[in-house]
Amino acid sequence: MNPFLSQAISLAESNVKQGGRPLGAVVVKDDTVIATGVNRMQAECDPTAHAELLALREAGKALKSPRQAG
């Protein structure tokens, strides 16, 4: 299995153990993980707090750019 997919699954499993939903996301650039996220909709009462959106937001901060090409 792809190691990045394995990491996303692990994040999802950990989130369930903490009372969250089974969703995790990993943003990868040049074979390096630059951001991760888990579903936080219930915890934050935020309908936009999907794992992939939170991971993309963190990636933007890490890259200091809204562009995430590559």
PDB file of N, CA and C in Angstrom:
ATOM      1  N   MET A   1       0.848  -1.186   0.000  1.00  0.00           N
ATOM      2  CA  MET A   1       0.000   0.000   0.000  1.00  0.00           C
ATOM      3  C   MET A   1       0.888   1.242   0.000  1.00  0.00           C
ATOM      4  N   ASN A   2       0.436   2.256  -0.648  1.00  0.00           N
ATOM      5  CA  ASN A   2       1.142   3.534  -0.679  1.00  0.00           C
ATOM      6  C   ASN A   2       1.315   4.064   0.747  1.00  0.00           C
ATOM      7  N   PRO A   3       2.533   4.483   1.120  1.00  0.00           N
ATOM      8  CA  PRO A   3       2.755   4.939   2.503  1.00  0.00           C
ATOM      9  C   PRO A   3       1.951   6.187   2.864  1.00  0.00           C
ATOM     10  N   PHE A   4       1.657   7.019   1.886  1.00  0.00           N
ATOM     11  CA  PHE A   4       0.877   8.225   2.172  1.00  0.00           C
ATOM     12  C   PHE A   4      -0.582   7.869   2.429  1.00  0.00           C
ATOM     13  N   LEU A   5      -1.093   6.903   1.683  1.00  0.00           N
ATOM     14  CA  LEU A   5      -2.450   6.419   1.927  1.00  0.00           C
ATOM     15  C   LEU A   5      -2.522   5.745   3.295  1.00  0.00           C
ATOM     16  N   SER A   6      -1.495   4.983   3.626  1.00  0.00           N
ATOM     17  CA  SER A   6      -1.439   4.349   4.945  1.00  0.00           C
ATOM     18  C   SER A   6      -1.463   5.400   6.059  1.00  0.00           C
ATOM     19  N   GLN A   7      -0.765   6.506   5.842  1.00  0.00           N
ATOM     20  CA  GLN A   7      -0.749   7.568   6.846  1.00  0.00           C
ATOM     21  C   GLN A   7      -2.134   8.198   6.983  1.00  0.00           C
ATOM     22  N   ALA A   8      -2.820   8.411   5.868  1.00  0.00           N
ATOM     23  CA  ALA A   8      -4.169   8.985   5.914  1.00  0.00           C
ATOM     24  C   ALA A   8      -5.120   8.051   6.660  1.00  0.00           C
ATOM     25  N   ILE A   9      -4.991   6.757   6.428  1.00  0.00           N
ATOM     26  CA  ILE A   9      -5.827   5.775   7.125  1.00  0.00           C
ATOM     27  C   ILE A   9      -5.521   5.783   8.616  1.00  0.00           C
ATOM     28  N   SER A  10      -4.255   5.858   8.955  1.00  0.00           N
ATOM     29  CA  SER A  10      -3.860   5.917  10.364  1.00  0.00           C
ATOM     30  C   SER A  10      -4.424   7.157  11.055  1.00  0.00           C
ATOM     31  N   LEU A  11      -4.375   8.285  10.363  1.00  0.00           N
ATOM     32  CA  LEU A  11      -4.954   9.522  10.908  1.00  0.00           C
ATOM     33  C   LEU A  11      -6.453   9.343  11.160  1.00  0.00           C
ATOM     34  N   ALA A  12      -7.129   8.715  10.203  1.00  0.00           N
ATOM     35  CA  ALA A  12      -8.571   8.491  10.344  1.00  0.00           C
ATOM     36  C   ALA A  12      -8.874   7.587  11.532  1.00  0.00           C
ATOM     37  N   GLU A  13      -8.092   6.527  11.677  1.00  0.00           N
ATOM     38  CA  GLU A  13      -8.302   5.601  12.795  1.00  0.00           C
ATOM     39  C   GLU A  13      -8.054   6.303  14.135  1.00  0.00           C
ATOM     40  N   SER A  14      -7.024   7.100  14.201  1.00  0.00           N
ATOM     41  CA  SER A  14      -6.734   7.848  15.433  1.00  0.00           C
ATOM     42  C   SER A  14      -7.845   8.832  15.750  1.00  0.00           C
ATOM     43  N   ASN A  15      -8.392   9.451  14.708  1.00  0.00           N
ATOM     44  CA  ASN A  15      -9.468  10.414  14.911  1.00  0.00           C
ATOM     45  C   ASN A  15     -10.709   9.734  15.496  1.00  0.00           C
ATOM     46  N   VAL A  16     -10.994   8.519  15.040  1.00  0.00           N
ATOM     47  CA  VAL A  16     -12.134   7.763  15.574  1.00  0.00           C
ATOM     48  C   VAL A  16     -11.913   7.470  17.060  1.00  0.00           C
ATOM     49  N   LYS A  17     -10.698   7.096  17.421  1.00  0.00           N
ATOM     50  CA  LYS A  17     -10.392   6.802  18.826  1.00  0.00           C
ATOM     51  C   LYS A  17     -10.579   8.026  19.717  1.00  0.00           C
ATOM     52  N   GLN A  18     -10.483   9.214  19.117  1.00  0.00           N
ATOM     53  CA  GLN A  18     -10.666  10.453  19.869  1.00  0.00           C
ATOM     54  C   GLN A  18     -12.092  10.980  19.748  1.00  0.00           C
ATOM     55  N   GLY A  19     -12.984  10.162  19.183  1.00  0.00           N
ATOM     56  CA  GLY A  19     -14.385  10.536  19.091  1.00  0.00           C
ATOM     57  C   GLY A  19     -14.767  11.219  17.799  1.00  0.00           C
ATOM     58  N   GLY A  20     -13.842  11.295  16.864  1.00  0.00           N
ATOM     59  CA  GLY A  20     -14.124  11.942  15.581  1.00  0.00           C
ATOM     60  C   GLY A  20     -14.616  10.958  14.537  1.00  0.00           C
ATOM     61  N   ARG A  21     -14.719  11.442  13.324  1.00  0.00           N
ATOM     62  CA  ARG A  21     -15.173  10.619  12.209  1.00  0.00           C
ATOM     63  C   ARG A  21     -13.972  10.005  11.502  1.00  0.00           C
ATOM     64  N   PRO A  22     -14.155   8.904  10.787  1.00  0.00           N
ATOM     65  CA  PRO A  22     -13.040   8.169  10.187  1.00  0.00           C
ATOM     66  C   PRO A  22     -12.548   8.763   8.858  1.00  0.00           C
ATOM     67  N   LEU A  23     -12.042   9.976   8.928  1.00  0.00           N
ATOM     68  CA  LEU A  23     -11.554  10.637   7.720  1.00  0.00           C
ATOM     69  C   LEU A  23     -10.225  11.321   8.012  1.00  0.00           C
ATOM     70  N   GLY A  24      -9.239  11.051   7.159  1.00  0.00           N
ATOM     71  CA  GLY A  24      -7.926  11.671   7.297  1.00  0.00           C
ATOM     72  C   GLY A  24      -7.412  12.059   5.924  1.00  0.00           C
ATOM     73  N   ALA A  25      -6.576  13.072   5.863  1.00  0.00           N
ATOM     74  CA  ALA A  25      -6.021  13.535   4.588  1.00  0.00           C
ATOM     75  C   ALA A  25      -4.549  13.882   4.757  1.00  0.00           C
ATOM     76  N   VAL A  26      -3.789  13.644   3.696  1.00  0.00           N
ATOM     77  CA  VAL A  26      -2.363  13.941   3.680  1.00  0.00           C
ATOM     78  C   VAL A  26      -2.058  14.707   2.398  1.00  0.00           C
ATOM     79  N   VAL A  27      -1.375  15.844   2.508  1.00  0.00           N
ATOM     80  CA  VAL A  27      -0.948  16.610   1.335  1.00  0.00           C
ATOM     81  C   VAL A  27       0.542  16.343   1.150  1.00  0.00           C
ATOM     82  N   VAL A  28       0.894  15.905  -0.051  1.00  0.00           N
ATOM     83  CA  VAL A  28       2.268  15.515  -0.356  1.00  0.00           C
ATOM     84  C   VAL A  28       2.785  16.360  -1.519  1.00  0.00           C
ATOM     85  N   LYS A  29       4.003  16.835  -1.383  1.00  0.00           N
ATOM     86  CA  LYS A  29       4.660  17.566  -2.470  1.00  0.00           C
ATOM     87  C   LYS A  29       6.079  17.032  -2.576  1.00  0.00           C
ATOM     88  N   ASP A  30       6.465  16.641  -3.770  1.00  0.00           N
ATOM     89  CA  ASP A  30       7.807  16.110  -4.006  1.00  0.00           C
ATOM     90  C   ASP A  30       8.132  14.968  -3.041  1.00  0.00           C
ATOM     91  N   ASP A  31       7.189  14.054  -2.878  1.00  0.00           N
ATOM     92  CA  ASP A  31       7.342  12.878  -2.006  1.00  0.00           C
ATOM     93  C   ASP A  31       7.575  13.214  -0.540  1.00  0.00           C
ATOM     94  N   THR A  32       7.143  14.396  -0.114  1.00  0.00           N
ATOM     95  CA  THR A  32       7.263  14.809   1.283  1.00  0.00           C
ATOM     96  C   THR A  32       5.899  15.253   1.796  1.00  0.00           C
ATOM     97  N   VAL A  33       5.508  14.753   2.957  1.00  0.00           N
ATOM     98  CA  VAL A  33       4.254  15.184   3.570  1.00  0.00           C
ATOM     99  C   VAL A  33       4.439  16.618   4.064  1.00  0.00           C
ATOM    100  N   ILE A  34       3.585  17.511   3.590  1.00  0.00           N
ATOM    101  CA  ILE A  34       3.681  18.904   4.038  1.00  0.00           C
ATOM    102  C   ILE A  34       2.529  19.296   4.945  1.00  0.00           C
ATOM    103  N   ALA A  35       1.462  18.489   4.959  1.00  0.00           N
ATOM    104  CA  ALA A  35       0.336  18.810   5.837  1.00  0.00           C
ATOM    105  C   ALA A  35      -0.575  17.592   5.970  1.00  0.00           C
ATOM    106  N   THR A  36      -1.280  17.544   7.093  1.00  0.00           N
ATOM    107  CA  THR A  36      -2.271  16.495   7.316  1.00  0.00           C
ATOM    108  C   THR A  36      -3.518  17.126   7.913  1.00  0.00           C
ATOM    109  N   GLY A  37      -4.600  16.376   7.882  1.00  0.00           N
ATOM    110  CA  GLY A  37      -5.825  16.848   8.506  1.00  0.00           C
ATOM    111  C   GLY A  37      -6.748  15.692   8.812  1.00  0.00           C
ATOM    112  N   VAL A  38      -7.607  15.896   9.775  1.00  0.00           N
ATOM    113  CA  VAL A  38      -8.659  14.936  10.093  1.00  0.00           C
ATOM    114  C   VAL A  38      -9.979  15.692  10.139  1.00  0.00           C
ATOM    115  N   ASN A  39     -11.063  14.949   9.977  1.00  0.00           N
ATOM    116  CA  ASN A  39     -12.376  15.572  10.008  1.00  0.00           C
ATOM    117  C   ASN A  39     -12.649  16.147  11.391  1.00  0.00           C
ATOM    118  N   ARG A  40     -12.957  17.426  11.460  1.00  0.00           N
ATOM    119  CA  ARG A  40     -13.209  18.117  12.732  1.00  0.00           C
ATOM    120  C   ARG A  40     -14.585  18.784  12.749  1.00  0.00           C
ATOM    121  N   MET A  41     -15.466  18.369  11.844  1.00  0.00           N
ATOM    122  CA  MET A  41     -16.783  19.014  11.737  1.00  0.00           C
ATOM    123  C   MET A  41     -17.545  18.994  13.053  1.00  0.00           C
ATOM    124  N   GLN A  42     -17.611  17.839  13.702  1.00  0.00           N
ATOM    125  CA  GLN A  42     -18.352  17.724  14.959  1.00  0.00           C
ATOM    126  C   GLN A  42     -17.645  18.472  16.080  1.00  0.00           C
ATOM    127  N   ALA A  43     -16.350  18.289  16.197  1.00  0.00           N
ATOM    128  CA  ALA A  43     -15.583  18.886  17.295  1.00  0.00           C
ATOM    129  C   ALA A  43     -15.609  20.404  17.263  1.00  0.00           C
ATOM    130  N   GLU A  44     -15.601  20.973  16.069  1.00  0.00           N
ATOM    131  CA  GLU A  44     -15.558  22.429  15.941  1.00  0.00           C
ATOM    132  C   GLU A  44     -16.899  23.037  15.548  1.00  0.00           C
ATOM    133  N   CYS A  45     -17.913  22.180  15.395  1.00  0.00           N
ATOM    134  CA  CYS A  45     -19.239  22.644  14.945  1.00  0.00           C
ATOM    135  C   CYS A  45     -19.092  23.508  13.687  1.00  0.00           C
ATOM    136  N   ASP A  46     -18.267  23.027  12.781  1.00  0.00           N
ATOM    137  CA  ASP A  46     -17.927  23.766  11.566  1.00  0.00           C
ATOM    138  C   ASP A  46     -18.183  22.873  10.354  1.00  0.00           C
ATOM    139  N   PRO A  47     -19.177  23.211   9.529  1.00  0.00           N
ATOM    140  CA  PRO A  47     -19.489  22.371   8.376  1.00  0.00           C
ATOM    141  C   PRO A  47     -18.390  22.350   7.315  1.00  0.00           C
ATOM    142  N   THR A  48     -17.402  23.223   7.426  1.00  0.00           N
ATOM    143  CA  THR A  48     -16.305  23.228   6.451  1.00  0.00           C
ATOM    144  C   THR A  48     -15.055  22.516   6.965  1.00  0.00           C
ATOM    145  N   ALA A  49     -15.092  21.966   8.162  1.00  0.00           N
ATOM    146  CA  ALA A  49     -13.895  21.368   8.765  1.00  0.00           C
ATOM    147  C   ALA A  49     -13.678  19.923   8.307  1.00  0.00           C
ATOM    148  N   HIS A  50     -13.719  19.721   6.998  1.00  0.00           N
ATOM    149  CA  HIS A  50     -13.433  18.419   6.400  1.00  0.00           C
ATOM    150  C   HIS A  50     -11.928  18.173   6.440  1.00  0.00           C
ATOM    151  N   ALA A  51     -11.534  16.925   6.525  1.00  0.00           N
ATOM    152  CA  ALA A  51     -10.115  16.563   6.612  1.00  0.00           C
ATOM    153  C   ALA A  51      -9.304  17.169   5.471  1.00  0.00           C
ATOM    154  N   GLU A  52      -9.810  17.037   4.247  1.00  0.00           N
ATOM    155  CA  GLU A  52      -9.037  17.519   3.101  1.00  0.00           C
ATOM    156  C   GLU A  52      -8.918  19.039   3.084  1.00  0.00           C
ATOM    157  N   LEU A  53      -9.960  19.738   3.503  1.00  0.00           N
ATOM    158  CA  LEU A  53      -9.881  21.202   3.542  1.00  0.00           C
ATOM    159  C   LEU A  53      -8.919  21.678   4.615  1.00  0.00           C
ATOM    160  N   LEU A  54      -8.942  21.043   5.777  1.00  0.00           N
ATOM    161  CA  LEU A  54      -8.018  21.421   6.840  1.00  0.00           C
ATOM    162  C   LEU A  54      -6.573  21.130   6.426  1.00  0.00           C
ATOM    163  N   ALA A  55      -6.356  20.005   5.742  1.00  0.00           N
ATOM    164  CA  ALA A  55      -5.008  19.678   5.266  1.00  0.00           C
ATOM    165  C   ALA A  55      -4.546  20.690   4.221  1.00  0.00           C
ATOM    166  N   LEU A  56      -5.420  21.092   3.323  1.00  0.00           N
ATOM    167  CA  LEU A  56      -5.052  22.089   2.309  1.00  0.00           C
ATOM    168  C   LEU A  56      -4.746  23.446   2.943  1.00  0.00           C
ATOM    169  N   ARG A  57      -5.503  23.810   3.961  1.00  0.00           N
ATOM    170  CA  ARG A  57      -5.224  25.074   4.662  1.00  0.00           C
ATOM    171  C   ARG A  57      -3.850  25.036   5.317  1.00  0.00           C
ATOM    172  N   GLU A  58      -3.531  23.909   5.957  1.00  0.00           N
ATOM    173  CA  GLU A  58      -2.220  23.769   6.595  1.00  0.00           C
ATOM    174  C   GLU A  58      -1.101  23.756   5.554  1.00  0.00           C
ATOM    175  N   ALA A  59      -1.358  23.146   4.411  1.00  0.00           N
ATOM    176  CA  ALA A  59      -0.355  23.128   3.344  1.00  0.00           C
ATOM    177  C   ALA A  59      -0.073  24.544   2.854  1.00  0.00           C
ATOM    178  N   GLY A  60      -1.107  25.341   2.708  1.00  0.00           N
ATOM    179  CA  GLY A  60      -0.923  26.734   2.296  1.00  0.00           C
ATOM    180  C   GLY A  60      -0.055  27.499   3.280  1.00  0.00           C
ATOM    181  N   LYS A  61      -0.286  27.261   4.564  1.00  0.00           N
ATOM    182  CA  LYS A  61       0.532  27.916   5.593  1.00  0.00           C
ATOM    183  C   LYS A  61       1.975  27.426   5.529  1.00  0.00           C
ATOM    184  N   ALA A  62       2.153  26.113   5.364  1.00  0.00           N
ATOM    185  CA  ALA A  62       3.505  25.540   5.320  1.00  0.00           C
ATOM    186  C   ALA A  62       4.288  26.062   4.116  1.00  0.00           C
ATOM    187  N   LEU A  63       3.584  26.200   2.997  1.00  0.00           N
ATOM    188  CA  LEU A  63       4.235  26.675   1.766  1.00  0.00           C
ATOM    189  C   LEU A  63       4.271  28.192   1.659  1.00  0.00           C
ATOM    190  N   LYS A  64       3.541  28.855   2.560  1.00  0.00           N
ATOM    191  CA  LYS A  64       3.404  30.306   2.527  1.00  0.00           C
ATOM    192  C   LYS A  64       2.880  30.777   1.162  1.00  0.00           C
ATOM    193  N   SER A  65       1.923  30.003   0.644  1.00  0.00           N
ATOM    194  CA  SER A  65       1.348  30.304  -0.665  1.00  0.00           C
ATOM    195  C   SER A  65       0.047  29.539  -0.829  1.00  0.00           C
ATOM    196  N   PRO A  66      -0.938  30.141  -1.506  1.00  0.00           N
ATOM    197  CA  PRO A  66      -2.157  29.398  -1.796  1.00  0.00           C
ATOM    198  C   PRO A  66      -1.947  28.431  -2.958  1.00  0.00           C
ATOM    199  N   ARG A  67      -0.846  28.544  -3.672  1.00  0.00           N
ATOM    200  CA  ARG A  67      -0.570  27.661  -4.807  1.00  0.00           C
ATOM    201  C   ARG A  67       0.140  26.409  -4.314  1.00  0.00           C
ATOM    202  N   GLN A  68      -0.401  25.281  -4.742  1.00  0.00           N
ATOM    203  CA  GLN A  68       0.152  24.021  -4.244  1.00  0.00           C
ATOM    204  C   GLN A  68       0.487  23.089  -5.407  1.00  0.00           C
ATOM    205  N   ALA A  69       0.963  23.665  -6.483  1.00  0.00           N
ATOM    206  CA  ALA A  69       1.339  22.861  -7.644  1.00  0.00           C
ATOM    207  C   ALA A  69       2.458  21.892  -7.285  1.00  0.00           C
ATOM    208  N   GLY A  70       2.449  20.736  -7.917  1.00  0.00           N
ATOM    209  CA  GLY A  70       3.508  19.762  -7.702  1.00  0.00           C
ATOM    210  C   GLY A  70       3.095  18.736  -6.700  1.00  0.00           C
TER     211      GLY A  70
END
